[in-house]
């Protein structure tokens, strides 16, 4: 076995340093959170004395609380995790990959205060990789739903039934089977694709003309024989 095979693969994130930086940042967040709890308790007591409704207690992930700015190193790690994950085979090739990366970074920032570095089993890299993973899955489902909605709108609008007809008015040599194939390959269920595609193609004048020419050719061939 060569030295090159024995050489360990260099990690793009130092998990130990990443964990320590998160601990330092979250300790600062805890100080801010304790200050907020004391201030909320004081305001609640004042409200009760005045006979008013107490203010609702905010959640620890509430963005309106003046949390400390996330350090550049942690932000860079979030970007690397999201970028590397979406380069994998499961997510590579999507046209909205940039949106998947952005969603992953956003979820990391949103859930940063949910991470508990004091837990002995806490793994910062795994925790935020999982956050990016589920963010990418949600984006894929969202885009698929939007594509389905757009497809149904196109199919229900009836525009495809006249698509070939309108084009043939300008040039008899133009056919739109390629564009129709693209639409039906990307929209609707398999059963709906086949049924609707056949229905539309059979009602277009271009299709009827091609079938008529094909039949005439068959008749001529049979006559020659």
Protein backbone atom coordinates (compact mmCIF):
# COMPACT_ATOMS: atom_id res chain seq x y z
CA UNK A 1 0.00 0.00 0.00
CA UNK A 2 1.44 3.35 -1.03
CA UNK A 3 1.99 6.32 1.23
CA UNK A 4 -0.57 8.24 -0.77
CA UNK A 5 -3.26 5.71 0.14
CA UNK A 6 -2.26 5.76 3.79
CA UNK A 7 -2.36 9.52 3.89
CA UNK A 8 -5.44 10.76 5.68
CA UNK A 9 -7.83 12.89 3.73
CA UNK A 10 -7.60 16.51 4.81
CA UNK A 11 -10.83 17.78 6.36
CA UNK A 12 -12.19 21.06 5.07
CA UNK A 13 -13.37 22.00 8.58
CA UNK A 14 -11.53 21.60 11.88
CA UNK A 15 -14.39 20.20 13.97
CA UNK A 16 -12.63 20.82 17.29
CA UNK A 17 -11.94 24.47 16.50
CA UNK A 18 -15.44 24.85 15.10
CA UNK A 19 -16.90 23.42 18.32
CA UNK A 20 -14.78 25.70 20.53
CA UNK A 21 -15.68 28.82 18.55
CA UNK A 22 -19.35 27.94 18.85
CA UNK A 23 -18.98 27.45 22.61
CA UNK A 24 -17.40 30.90 23.02
CA UNK A 25 -20.14 32.52 20.94
CA UNK A 26 -22.97 30.67 22.69
CA UNK A 27 -21.58 31.64 26.10
CA UNK A 28 -21.92 35.27 25.00
CA UNK A 29 -25.48 34.53 23.88
CA UNK A 30 -26.28 33.03 27.29
CA UNK A 31 -25.21 36.27 28.97
CA UNK A 32 -27.54 38.25 26.70
CA UNK A 33 -30.35 35.76 27.37
CA UNK A 34 -29.97 36.01 31.16
CA UNK A 35 -30.04 39.80 30.90
CA UNK A 36 -33.22 39.60 28.84
CA UNK A 37 -34.88 37.26 31.39
CA UNK A 38 -34.09 39.66 34.24
CA UNK A 39 -35.42 42.62 32.26
CA UNK A 40 -38.55 40.69 31.29
CA UNK A 41 -39.18 39.71 34.91
CA UNK A 42 -38.87 43.34 36.03
CA UNK A 43 -41.23 44.58 33.30
CA UNK A 44 -43.72 41.81 34.13
CA UNK A 45 -43.82 42.82 37.79
CA UNK A 46 -44.35 46.47 36.83
CA UNK A 47 -47.18 45.50 34.48
CA UNK A 48 -48.91 43.43 37.15
CA UNK A 49 -48.68 46.29 39.64
CA UNK A 50 -50.36 48.58 37.13
CA UNK A 51 -53.04 45.95 36.46
CA UNK A 52 -51.87 45.39 32.89
CA UNK A 53 -51.27 42.19 30.96
CA UNK A 54 -47.66 40.96 31.27
CA UNK A 55 -45.45 41.00 28.19
CA UNK A 56 -45.09 37.60 26.43
CA UNK A 57 -41.78 35.81 26.93
CA UNK A 58 -39.76 35.58 23.74
CA UNK A 59 -38.13 32.35 22.61
CA UNK A 60 -34.40 31.90 22.77
CA UNK A 61 -34.12 31.93 18.97
CA UNK A 62 -36.08 35.17 18.61
CA UNK A 63 -34.23 37.43 16.16
CA UNK A 64 -35.50 40.61 17.83
CA UNK A 65 -33.21 40.02 20.82
CA UNK A 66 -29.87 41.87 20.29
CA UNK A 67 -27.69 38.78 19.96
CA UNK A 68 -23.92 39.10 19.40
CA UNK A 69 -22.73 39.09 15.78
CA UNK A 70 -21.75 35.63 14.57
CA UNK A 71 -17.94 35.49 14.11
CA UNK A 72 -16.52 35.23 10.60
CA UNK A 73 -15.00 31.80 11.28
CA UNK A 74 -18.36 30.27 12.21
CA UNK A 75 -20.02 31.91 9.22
CA UNK A 76 -17.31 30.53 6.93
CA UNK A 77 -17.87 27.04 8.35
CA UNK A 78 -21.61 27.33 7.70
CA UNK A 79 -20.90 28.29 4.08
CA UNK A 80 -18.39 25.44 3.58
CA UNK A 81 -20.78 22.86 5.04
CA UNK A 82 -23.71 24.00 2.89
CA UNK A 83 -21.57 24.31 -0.26
CA UNK A 84 -19.86 20.93 0.18
CA UNK A 85 -23.09 19.11 0.99
CA UNK A 86 -24.85 20.44 -2.12
CA UNK A 87 -21.95 19.31 -4.30
CA UNK A 88 -22.70 15.70 -3.38
CA UNK A 89 -24.46 13.35 -5.77
CA UNK A 90 -27.80 13.64 -3.96
CA UNK A 91 -28.09 17.37 -4.57
CA UNK A 92 -25.73 18.14 -7.46
CA UNK A 93 -27.28 18.99 -10.81
CA UNK A 94 -30.29 20.98 -9.58
CA UNK A 95 -30.76 24.34 -11.30
CA UNK A 96 -31.62 25.90 -7.93
CA UNK A 97 -28.47 24.69 -6.13
CA UNK A 98 -27.57 28.24 -5.05
CA UNK A 99 -30.94 28.52 -3.30
CA UNK A 100 -30.27 25.22 -1.52
CA UNK A 101 -26.92 26.54 -0.27
CA UNK A 102 -28.53 29.80 0.89
CA UNK A 103 -31.31 27.90 2.68
CA UNK A 104 -28.73 25.75 4.45
CA UNK A 105 -26.77 28.78 5.68
CA UNK A 106 -29.99 30.47 6.81
CA UNK A 107 -31.06 27.39 8.81
CA UNK A 108 -27.62 27.16 10.44
CA UNK A 109 -27.86 30.77 11.57
CA UNK A 110 -31.46 30.34 12.71
CA UNK A 111 -30.68 27.21 14.76
CA UNK A 112 -27.26 28.19 16.08
CA UNK A 113 -28.57 28.85 19.60
CA UNK A 114 -30.28 25.43 19.66
CA UNK A 115 -26.89 23.73 19.59
CA UNK A 116 -25.67 22.63 23.03
CA UNK A 117 -21.84 22.47 23.08
CA UNK A 118 -21.86 21.24 26.70
CA UNK A 119 -23.43 17.94 25.69
CA UNK A 120 -20.76 15.24 25.69
CA UNK A 121 -22.17 13.75 22.47
CA UNK A 122 -22.44 17.12 20.72
CA UNK A 123 -20.84 17.19 17.28
CA UNK A 124 -20.95 20.64 15.70
CA UNK A 125 -20.12 19.46 12.19
CA UNK A 126 -22.79 16.73 12.18
CA UNK A 127 -25.41 18.99 13.75
CA UNK A 128 -25.14 21.75 11.16
CA UNK A 129 -24.61 19.33 8.27
CA UNK A 130 -27.97 17.81 9.19
CA UNK A 131 -29.53 21.29 9.30
CA UNK A 132 -28.23 21.96 5.76
CA UNK A 133 -29.44 18.55 4.59
CA UNK A 134 -33.03 19.11 5.67
CA UNK A 135 -32.96 22.66 4.28
CA UNK A 136 -31.98 21.26 0.86
CA UNK A 137 -34.70 18.60 1.02
CA UNK A 138 -37.31 21.25 1.81
CA UNK A 139 -36.11 23.38 -1.11
CA UNK A 140 -36.38 20.41 -3.52
CA UNK A 141 -39.93 19.68 -2.34
CA UNK A 142 -40.85 23.35 -2.62
CA UNK A 143 -39.47 23.66 -6.16
CA UNK A 144 -41.18 20.42 -7.19
CA UNK A 145 -44.50 21.71 -5.90
CA UNK A 146 -44.07 25.00 -7.74
CA UNK A 147 -43.17 23.15 -10.94
CA UNK A 148 -46.27 20.99 -10.59
CA UNK A 149 -48.46 24.07 -10.07
CA UNK A 150 -46.98 25.79 -13.14
CA UNK A 151 -47.45 22.64 -15.19
CA UNK A 152 -51.10 22.27 -14.20
CA UNK A 153 -51.71 25.93 -14.99
CA UNK A 154 -50.26 25.42 -18.49
CA UNK A 155 -52.23 22.22 -19.07
CA UNK A 156 -55.51 23.70 -17.79
CA UNK A 157 -55.12 26.95 -19.74
CA UNK A 158 -55.69 25.16 -23.06
CA UNK A 159 -52.80 27.04 -24.65
CA UNK A 160 -51.07 23.84 -25.76
CA UNK A 161 -54.04 22.71 -27.84
CA UNK A 162 -53.58 25.71 -30.13
CA UNK A 163 -49.81 25.86 -29.96
CA UNK A 164 -49.15 23.95 -33.18
CA UNK A 165 -52.01 25.68 -35.00
CA UNK A 166 -50.74 29.20 -34.30
CA UNK A 167 -47.22 28.27 -35.40
CA UNK A 168 -48.38 26.63 -38.63
CA UNK A 169 -50.03 29.87 -39.71
CA UNK A 170 -46.58 31.44 -40.01
CA UNK A 171 -44.59 28.52 -41.38
CA UNK A 172 -45.93 25.12 -42.43
CA UNK A 173 -42.48 23.60 -41.91
CA UNK A 174 -42.37 24.38 -38.20
CA UNK A 175 -43.32 21.65 -35.76
CA UNK A 176 -43.38 21.95 -31.97
CA UNK A 177 -43.12 18.34 -30.89
CA UNK A 178 -39.82 19.05 -29.12
CA UNK A 179 -41.29 21.81 -26.99
CA UNK A 180 -44.41 19.77 -26.30
CA UNK A 181 -42.24 16.83 -25.24
CA UNK A 182 -40.30 19.09 -22.88
CA UNK A 183 -43.50 20.36 -21.25
CA UNK A 184 -45.01 16.94 -20.75
CA UNK A 185 -41.77 15.43 -19.47
CA UNK A 186 -41.57 18.05 -16.73
CA UNK A 187 -45.20 18.62 -15.74
CA UNK A 188 -47.93 16.37 -14.39
CA UNK A 189 -48.00 12.68 -13.53
CA UNK A 190 -46.94 9.96 -15.97
CA UNK A 191 -50.53 8.93 -16.68
CA UNK A 192 -51.64 12.50 -17.21
CA UNK A 193 -48.63 13.20 -19.46
CA UNK A 194 -49.40 10.37 -21.87
CA UNK A 195 -53.15 10.88 -21.94
CA UNK A 196 -53.06 14.66 -22.29
CA UNK A 197 -50.17 14.65 -24.76
CA UNK A 198 -51.93 12.20 -27.08
CA UNK A 199 -55.17 14.13 -26.82
CA UNK A 200 -53.53 17.45 -27.67
CA UNK A 201 -51.45 16.06 -30.55
CA UNK A 202 -54.48 14.38 -32.13
CA UNK A 203 -56.50 17.61 -32.10
CA UNK A 204 -53.87 19.81 -33.76
CA UNK A 205 -54.14 20.52 -37.48
CA UNK A 206 -50.42 19.88 -37.92
CA UNK A 207 -50.77 16.35 -36.57
CA UNK A 208 -53.85 15.67 -38.71
CA UNK A 209 -52.00 16.91 -41.80
CA UNK A 210 -49.02 14.64 -41.11
CA UNK A 211 -51.31 11.65 -40.60
CA UNK A 212 -53.13 12.44 -43.86
CA UNK A 213 -49.85 12.65 -45.79
CA UNK A 214 -48.71 9.38 -44.23
CA UNK A 215 -51.95 7.66 -45.25
CA UNK A 216 -51.67 9.00 -48.81
CA UNK A 217 -48.14 7.64 -49.08
CA UNK A 218 -49.31 4.21 -47.89
CA UNK A 219 -52.10 4.26 -50.47
CA UNK A 220 -49.66 5.16 -53.26
CA UNK A 221 -47.29 2.36 -52.22
CA UNK A 222 -50.11 -0.16 -52.24
CA UNK A 223 -51.27 1.02 -55.69
CA UNK A 224 -47.77 0.66 -57.14
CA UNK A 225 -47.62 -2.93 -55.96
